[in-house]
Amino acid sequence: MEPDESLARSRADAAQKLGNEDIDAYSLDELDARIALCRAEIARCEARKAFAAQHRLSAEALFRKS
């Protein structure tokens, strides 16, 4: 197994655990807090994705000029 494969799996496992957690007993406040955390994590992921996309475009442009 290559290192990238185990890293990808551990990331998927973390997201899967979150999605499989039983939330039936959560109060409204706990659900609101969980939703806020999930939204913050989504925003963080989207920002990182945008940065990575721009970084890739910059690198491609640099190597095209050479």
PDB file of N, CA and C in Angstrom:
ATOM      1  N   MET A   1       0.850  -1.184   0.000  1.00  0.00           N
ATOM      2  CA  MET A   1       0.000   0.000   0.000  1.00  0.00           C
ATOM      3  C   MET A   1       0.891   1.242   0.000  1.00  0.00           C
ATOM      4  N   GLU A   2       0.575   2.184  -0.834  1.00  0.00           N
ATOM      5  CA  GLU A   2       1.342   3.417  -0.904  1.00  0.00           C
ATOM      6  C   GLU A   2       0.885   4.368   0.197  1.00  0.00           C
ATOM      7  N   PRO A   3       1.767   5.260   0.665  1.00  0.00           N
ATOM      8  CA  PRO A   3       1.406   6.188   1.751  1.00  0.00           C
ATOM      9  C   PRO A   3       0.167   7.022   1.437  1.00  0.00           C
ATOM     10  N   ASP A   4       0.008   7.429   0.193  1.00  0.00           N
ATOM     11  CA  ASP A   4      -1.150   8.246  -0.172  1.00  0.00           C
ATOM     12  C   ASP A   4      -2.460   7.495   0.026  1.00  0.00           C
ATOM     13  N   GLU A   5      -2.431   6.185  -0.207  1.00  0.00           N
ATOM     14  CA  GLU A   5      -3.644   5.386  -0.062  1.00  0.00           C
ATOM     15  C   GLU A   5      -4.114   5.347   1.387  1.00  0.00           C
ATOM     16  N   SER A   6      -3.205   5.135   2.324  1.00  0.00           N
ATOM     17  CA  SER A   6      -3.609   5.067   3.730  1.00  0.00           C
ATOM     18  C   SER A   6      -4.062   6.428   4.227  1.00  0.00           C
ATOM     19  N   LEU A   7      -3.431   7.495   3.732  1.00  0.00           N
ATOM     20  CA  LEU A   7      -3.834   8.843   4.124  1.00  0.00           C
ATOM     21  C   LEU A   7      -5.239   9.136   3.613  1.00  0.00           C
ATOM     22  N   ALA A   8      -5.513   8.787   2.376  1.00  0.00           N
ATOM     23  CA  ALA A   8      -6.843   9.010   1.811  1.00  0.00           C
ATOM     24  C   ALA A   8      -7.886   8.216   2.592  1.00  0.00           C
ATOM     25  N   ARG A   9      -7.552   7.006   2.961  1.00  0.00           N
ATOM     26  CA  ARG A   9      -8.495   6.170   3.696  1.00  0.00           C
ATOM     27  C   ARG A   9      -8.780   6.766   5.068  1.00  0.00           C
ATOM     28  N   SER A  10      -7.759   7.252   5.772  1.00  0.00           N
ATOM     29  CA  SER A  10      -7.988   7.799   7.108  1.00  0.00           C
ATOM     30  C   SER A  10      -8.851   9.054   7.036  1.00  0.00           C
ATOM     31  N   ARG A  11      -8.689   9.849   5.985  1.00  0.00           N
ATOM     32  CA  ARG A  11      -9.532  11.031   5.828  1.00  0.00           C
ATOM     33  C   ARG A  11     -10.974  10.620   5.574  1.00  0.00           C
ATOM     34  N   ALA A  12     -11.173   9.618   4.746  1.00  0.00           N
ATOM     35  CA  ALA A  12     -12.525   9.151   4.460  1.00  0.00           C
ATOM     36  C   ALA A  12     -13.150   8.554   5.713  1.00  0.00           C
ATOM     37  N   ASP A  13     -12.354   7.842   6.493  1.00  0.00           N
ATOM     38  CA  ASP A  13     -12.869   7.243   7.718  1.00  0.00           C
ATOM     39  C   ASP A  13     -13.368   8.313   8.685  1.00  0.00           C
ATOM     40  N   ALA A  14     -12.653   9.426   8.795  1.00  0.00           N
ATOM     41  CA  ALA A  14     -13.068  10.497   9.704  1.00  0.00           C
ATOM     42  C   ALA A  14     -14.404  11.083   9.266  1.00  0.00           C
ATOM     43  N   ALA A  15     -14.560  11.326   7.984  1.00  0.00           N
ATOM     44  CA  ALA A  15     -15.819  11.864   7.475  1.00  0.00           C
ATOM     45  C   ALA A  15     -16.942  10.841   7.623  1.00  0.00           C
ATOM     46  N   GLN A  16     -16.613   9.590   7.384  1.00  0.00           N
ATOM     47  CA  GLN A  16     -17.614   8.535   7.497  1.00  0.00           C
ATOM     48  C   GLN A  16     -18.084   8.372   8.941  1.00  0.00           C
ATOM     49  N   LYS A  17     -17.170   8.460   9.887  1.00  0.00           N
ATOM     50  CA  LYS A  17     -17.543   8.356  11.301  1.00  0.00           C
ATOM     51  C   LYS A  17     -18.501   9.476  11.687  1.00  0.00           C
ATOM     52  N   LEU A  18     -18.217  10.666  11.213  1.00  0.00           N
ATOM     53  CA  LEU A  18     -19.086  11.800  11.502  1.00  0.00           C
ATOM     54  C   LEU A  18     -20.483  11.556  10.930  1.00  0.00           C
ATOM     55  N   GLY A  19     -20.538  11.057   9.715  1.00  0.00           N
ATOM     56  CA  GLY A  19     -21.819  10.809   9.063  1.00  0.00           C
ATOM     57  C   GLY A  19     -22.595   9.645   9.649  1.00  0.00           C
ATOM     58  N   ASN A  20     -21.896   8.709  10.269  1.00  0.00           N
ATOM     59  CA  ASN A  20     -22.553   7.525  10.832  1.00  0.00           C
ATOM     60  C   ASN A  20     -22.924   7.678  12.300  1.00  0.00           C
ATOM     61  N   GLU A  21     -22.503   8.782  12.916  1.00  0.00           N
ATOM     62  CA  GLU A  21     -22.782   8.980  14.335  1.00  0.00           C
ATOM     63  C   GLU A  21     -24.288   9.118  14.571  1.00  0.00           C
ATOM     64  N   ASP A  22     -24.773   8.472  15.625  1.00  0.00           N
ATOM     65  CA  ASP A  22     -26.190   8.568  15.987  1.00  0.00           C
ATOM     66  C   ASP A  22     -26.446   9.931  16.624  1.00  0.00           C
ATOM     67  N   ILE A  23     -27.294  10.726  16.000  1.00  0.00           N
ATOM     68  CA  ILE A  23     -27.571  12.078  16.499  1.00  0.00           C
ATOM     69  C   ILE A  23     -28.988  12.200  17.059  1.00  0.00           C
ATOM     70  N   ASP A  24     -29.677  11.082  17.195  1.00  0.00           N
ATOM     71  CA  ASP A  24     -31.063  11.111  17.665  1.00  0.00           C
ATOM     72  C   ASP A  24     -31.213  11.727  19.052  1.00  0.00           C
ATOM     73  N   ALA A  25     -30.238  11.538  19.911  1.00  0.00           N
ATOM     74  CA  ALA A  25     -30.347  12.026  21.290  1.00  0.00           C
ATOM     75  C   ALA A  25     -29.863  13.464  21.456  1.00  0.00           C
ATOM     76  N   TYR A  26     -29.398  14.097  20.387  1.00  0.00           N
ATOM     77  CA  TYR A  26     -28.886  15.464  20.481  1.00  0.00           C
ATOM     78  C   TYR A  26     -30.021  16.450  20.729  1.00  0.00           C
ATOM     79  N   SER A  27     -29.749  17.428  21.560  1.00  0.00           N
ATOM     80  CA  SER A  27     -30.716  18.508  21.792  1.00  0.00           C
ATOM     81  C   SER A  27     -30.667  19.472  20.613  1.00  0.00           C
ATOM     82  N   LEU A  28     -31.613  20.391  20.569  1.00  0.00           N
ATOM     83  CA  LEU A  28     -31.615  21.399  19.506  1.00  0.00           C
ATOM     84  C   LEU A  28     -30.332  22.227  19.540  1.00  0.00           C
ATOM     85  N   ASP A  29     -29.897  22.593  20.738  1.00  0.00           N
ATOM     86  CA  ASP A  29     -28.658  23.367  20.861  1.00  0.00           C
ATOM     87  C   ASP A  29     -27.449  22.570  20.374  1.00  0.00           C
ATOM     88  N   GLU A  30     -27.417  21.293  20.715  1.00  0.00           N
ATOM     89  CA  GLU A  30     -26.310  20.449  20.260  1.00  0.00           C
ATOM     90  C   GLU A  30     -26.328  20.286  18.746  1.00  0.00           C
ATOM     91  N   LEU A  31     -27.516  20.153  18.180  1.00  0.00           N
ATOM     92  CA  LEU A  31     -27.628  20.052  16.721  1.00  0.00           C
ATOM     93  C   LEU A  31     -27.195  21.354  16.055  1.00  0.00           C
ATOM     94  N   ASP A  32     -27.600  22.489  16.628  1.00  0.00           N
ATOM     95  CA  ASP A  32     -27.171  23.786  16.086  1.00  0.00           C
ATOM     96  C   ASP A  32     -25.651  23.920  16.129  1.00  0.00           C
ATOM     97  N   ALA A  33     -25.047  23.488  17.227  1.00  0.00           N
ATOM     98  CA  ALA A  33     -23.590  23.567  17.358  1.00  0.00           C
ATOM     99  C   ALA A  33     -22.912  22.655  16.340  1.00  0.00           C
ATOM    100  N   ARG A  34     -23.459  21.477  16.157  1.00  0.00           N
ATOM    101  CA  ARG A  34     -22.896  20.532  15.182  1.00  0.00           C
ATOM    102  C   ARG A  34     -23.009  21.084  13.771  1.00  0.00           C
ATOM    103  N   ILE A  35     -24.150  21.658  13.446  1.00  0.00           N
ATOM    104  CA  ILE A  35     -24.349  22.255  12.119  1.00  0.00           C
ATOM    105  C   ILE A  35     -23.361  23.396  11.901  1.00  0.00           C
ATOM    106  N   ALA A  36     -23.166  24.223  12.920  1.00  0.00           N
ATOM    107  CA  ALA A  36     -22.216  25.336  12.805  1.00  0.00           C
ATOM    108  C   ALA A  36     -20.801  24.815  12.564  1.00  0.00           C
ATOM    109  N   LEU A  37     -20.415  23.763  13.275  1.00  0.00           N
ATOM    110  CA  LEU A  37     -19.091  23.175  13.074  1.00  0.00           C
ATOM    111  C   LEU A  37     -18.952  22.589  11.672  1.00  0.00           C
ATOM    112  N   CYS A  38     -19.990  21.919  11.216  1.00  0.00           N
ATOM    113  CA  CYS A  38     -19.954  21.340   9.864  1.00  0.00           C
ATOM    114  C   CYS A  38     -19.853  22.434   8.805  1.00  0.00           C
ATOM    115  N   ARG A  39     -20.605  23.500   8.977  1.00  0.00           N
ATOM    116  CA  ARG A  39     -20.540  24.612   8.021  1.00  0.00           C
ATOM    117  C   ARG A  39     -19.161  25.254   8.024  1.00  0.00           C
ATOM    118  N   ALA A  40     -18.578  25.403   9.206  1.00  0.00           N
ATOM    119  CA  ALA A  40     -17.232  25.975   9.301  1.00  0.00           C
ATOM    120  C   ALA A  40     -16.215  25.066   8.616  1.00  0.00           C
ATOM    121  N   GLU A  41     -16.362  23.771   8.780  1.00  0.00           N
ATOM    122  CA  GLU A  41     -15.441  22.827   8.140  1.00  0.00           C
ATOM    123  C   GLU A  41     -15.620  22.842   6.626  1.00  0.00           C
ATOM    124  N   ILE A  42     -16.849  22.939   6.163  1.00  0.00           N
ATOM    125  CA  ILE A  42     -17.095  23.031   4.722  1.00  0.00           C
ATOM    126  C   ILE A  42     -16.453  24.293   4.162  1.00  0.00           C
ATOM    127  N   ALA A  43     -16.606  25.405   4.850  1.00  0.00           N
ATOM    128  CA  ALA A  43     -16.000  26.664   4.403  1.00  0.00           C
ATOM    129  C   ALA A  43     -14.478  26.542   4.374  1.00  0.00           C
ATOM    130  N   ARG A  44     -13.903  25.889   5.371  1.00  0.00           N
ATOM    131  CA  ARG A  44     -12.457  25.689   5.419  1.00  0.00           C
ATOM    132  C   ARG A  44     -11.994  24.827   4.250  1.00  0.00           C
ATOM    133  N   CYS A  45     -12.733  23.772   3.959  1.00  0.00           N
ATOM    134  CA  CYS A  45     -12.388  22.892   2.835  1.00  0.00           C
ATOM    135  C   CYS A  45     -12.513  23.625   1.503  1.00  0.00           C
ATOM    136  N   GLU A  46     -13.577  24.419   1.355  1.00  0.00           N
ATOM    137  CA  GLU A  46     -13.767  25.166   0.112  1.00  0.00           C
ATOM    138  C   GLU A  46     -12.659  26.195  -0.088  1.00  0.00           C
ATOM    139  N   ALA A  47     -12.238  26.849   0.994  1.00  0.00           N
ATOM    140  CA  ALA A  47     -11.149  27.825   0.898  1.00  0.00           C
ATOM    141  C   ALA A  47      -9.846  27.133   0.509  1.00  0.00           C
ATOM    142  N   ARG A  48      -9.576  25.986   1.095  1.00  0.00           N
ATOM    143  CA  ARG A  48      -8.357  25.234   0.760  1.00  0.00           C
ATOM    144  C   ARG A  48      -8.397  24.760  -0.679  1.00  0.00           C
ATOM    145  N   LYS A  49      -9.568  24.323  -1.125  1.00  0.00           N
ATOM    146  CA  LYS A  49      -9.722  23.868  -2.507  1.00  0.00           C
ATOM    147  C   LYS A  49      -9.468  25.019  -3.473  1.00  0.00           C
ATOM    148  N   ALA A  50     -10.013  26.194  -3.177  1.00  0.00           N
ATOM    149  CA  ALA A  50      -9.812  27.367  -4.035  1.00  0.00           C
ATOM    150  C   ALA A  50      -8.334  27.744  -4.076  1.00  0.00           C
ATOM    151  N   PHE A  51      -7.663  27.700  -2.926  1.00  0.00           N
ATOM    152  CA  PHE A  51      -6.233  27.998  -2.874  1.00  0.00           C
ATOM    153  C   PHE A  51      -5.448  26.999  -3.720  1.00  0.00           C
ATOM    154  N   ALA A  52      -5.768  25.714  -3.565  1.00  0.00           N
ATOM    155  CA  ALA A  52      -5.055  24.676  -4.305  1.00  0.00           C
ATOM    156  C   ALA A  52      -5.282  24.820  -5.807  1.00  0.00           C
ATOM    157  N   ALA A  53      -6.497  25.158  -6.199  1.00  0.00           N
ATOM    158  CA  ALA A  53      -6.794  25.344  -7.623  1.00  0.00           C
ATOM    159  C   ALA A  53      -6.006  26.518  -8.186  1.00  0.00           C
ATOM    160  N   GLN A  54      -5.946  27.606  -7.445  1.00  0.00           N
ATOM    161  CA  GLN A  54      -5.191  28.775  -7.906  1.00  0.00           C
ATOM    162  C   GLN A  54      -3.697  28.474  -7.951  1.00  0.00           C
ATOM    163  N   HIS A  55      -3.216  27.757  -6.968  1.00  0.00           N
ATOM    164  CA  HIS A  55      -1.802  27.374  -6.928  1.00  0.00           C
ATOM    165  C   HIS A  55      -1.456  26.508  -8.145  1.00  0.00           C
ATOM    166  N   ARG A  56      -2.335  25.601  -8.462  1.00  0.00           N
ATOM    167  CA  ARG A  56      -2.119  24.726  -9.624  1.00  0.00           C
ATOM    168  C   ARG A  56      -2.095  25.533 -10.912  1.00  0.00           C
ATOM    169  N   LEU A  57      -3.034  26.459 -11.061  1.00  0.00           N
ATOM    170  CA  LEU A  57      -3.058  27.310 -12.254  1.00  0.00           C
ATOM    171  C   LEU A  57      -1.779  28.134 -12.364  1.00  0.00           C
ATOM    172  N   SER A  58      -1.308  28.652 -11.251  1.00  0.00           N
ATOM    173  CA  SER A  58      -0.070  29.435 -11.249  1.00  0.00           C
ATOM    174  C   SER A  58       1.121  28.578 -11.666  1.00  0.00           C
ATOM    175  N   ALA A  59       1.186  27.371 -11.142  1.00  0.00           N
ATOM    176  CA  ALA A  59       2.282  26.469 -11.493  1.00  0.00           C
ATOM    177  C   ALA A  59       2.219  26.094 -12.969  1.00  0.00           C
ATOM    178  N   GLU A  60       1.032  25.792 -13.462  1.00  0.00           N
ATOM    179  CA  GLU A  60       0.884  25.454 -14.880  1.00  0.00           C
ATOM    180  C   GLU A  60       1.295  26.625 -15.761  1.00  0.00           C
ATOM    181  N   ALA A  61       0.910  27.829 -15.379  1.00  0.00           N
ATOM    182  CA  ALA A  61       1.275  29.018 -16.156  1.00  0.00           C
ATOM    183  C   ALA A  61       2.784  29.223 -16.144  1.00  0.00           C
ATOM    184  N   LEU A  62       3.421  28.996 -15.016  1.00  0.00           N
ATOM    185  CA  LEU A  62       4.866  29.156 -14.906  1.00  0.00           C
ATOM    186  C   LEU A  62       5.596  28.185 -15.828  1.00  0.00           C
ATOM    187  N   PHE A  63       5.166  26.943 -15.817  1.00  0.00           N
ATOM    188  CA  PHE A  63       5.855  25.939 -16.626  1.00  0.00           C
ATOM    189  C   PHE A  63       5.534  26.066 -18.110  1.00  0.00           C
ATOM    190  N   ARG A  64       4.412  26.648 -18.458  1.00  0.00           N
ATOM    191  CA  ARG A  64       4.093  26.883 -19.869  1.00  0.00           C
ATOM    192  C   ARG A  64       5.002  27.951 -20.458  1.00  0.00           C
ATOM    193  N   LYS A  65       5.387  28.927 -19.645  1.00  0.00           N
ATOM    194  CA  LYS A  65       6.232  30.029 -20.123  1.00  0.00           C
ATOM    195  C   LYS A  65       7.645  29.551 -20.420  1.00  0.00           C
ATOM    196  N   SER A  66       8.098  28.526 -19.738  1.00  0.00           N
ATOM    197  CA  SER A  66       9.483  28.055 -19.888  1.00  0.00           C
ATOM    198  C   SER A  66       9.697  27.322 -21.185  1.00  0.00           C
TER     199      SER A  66
END
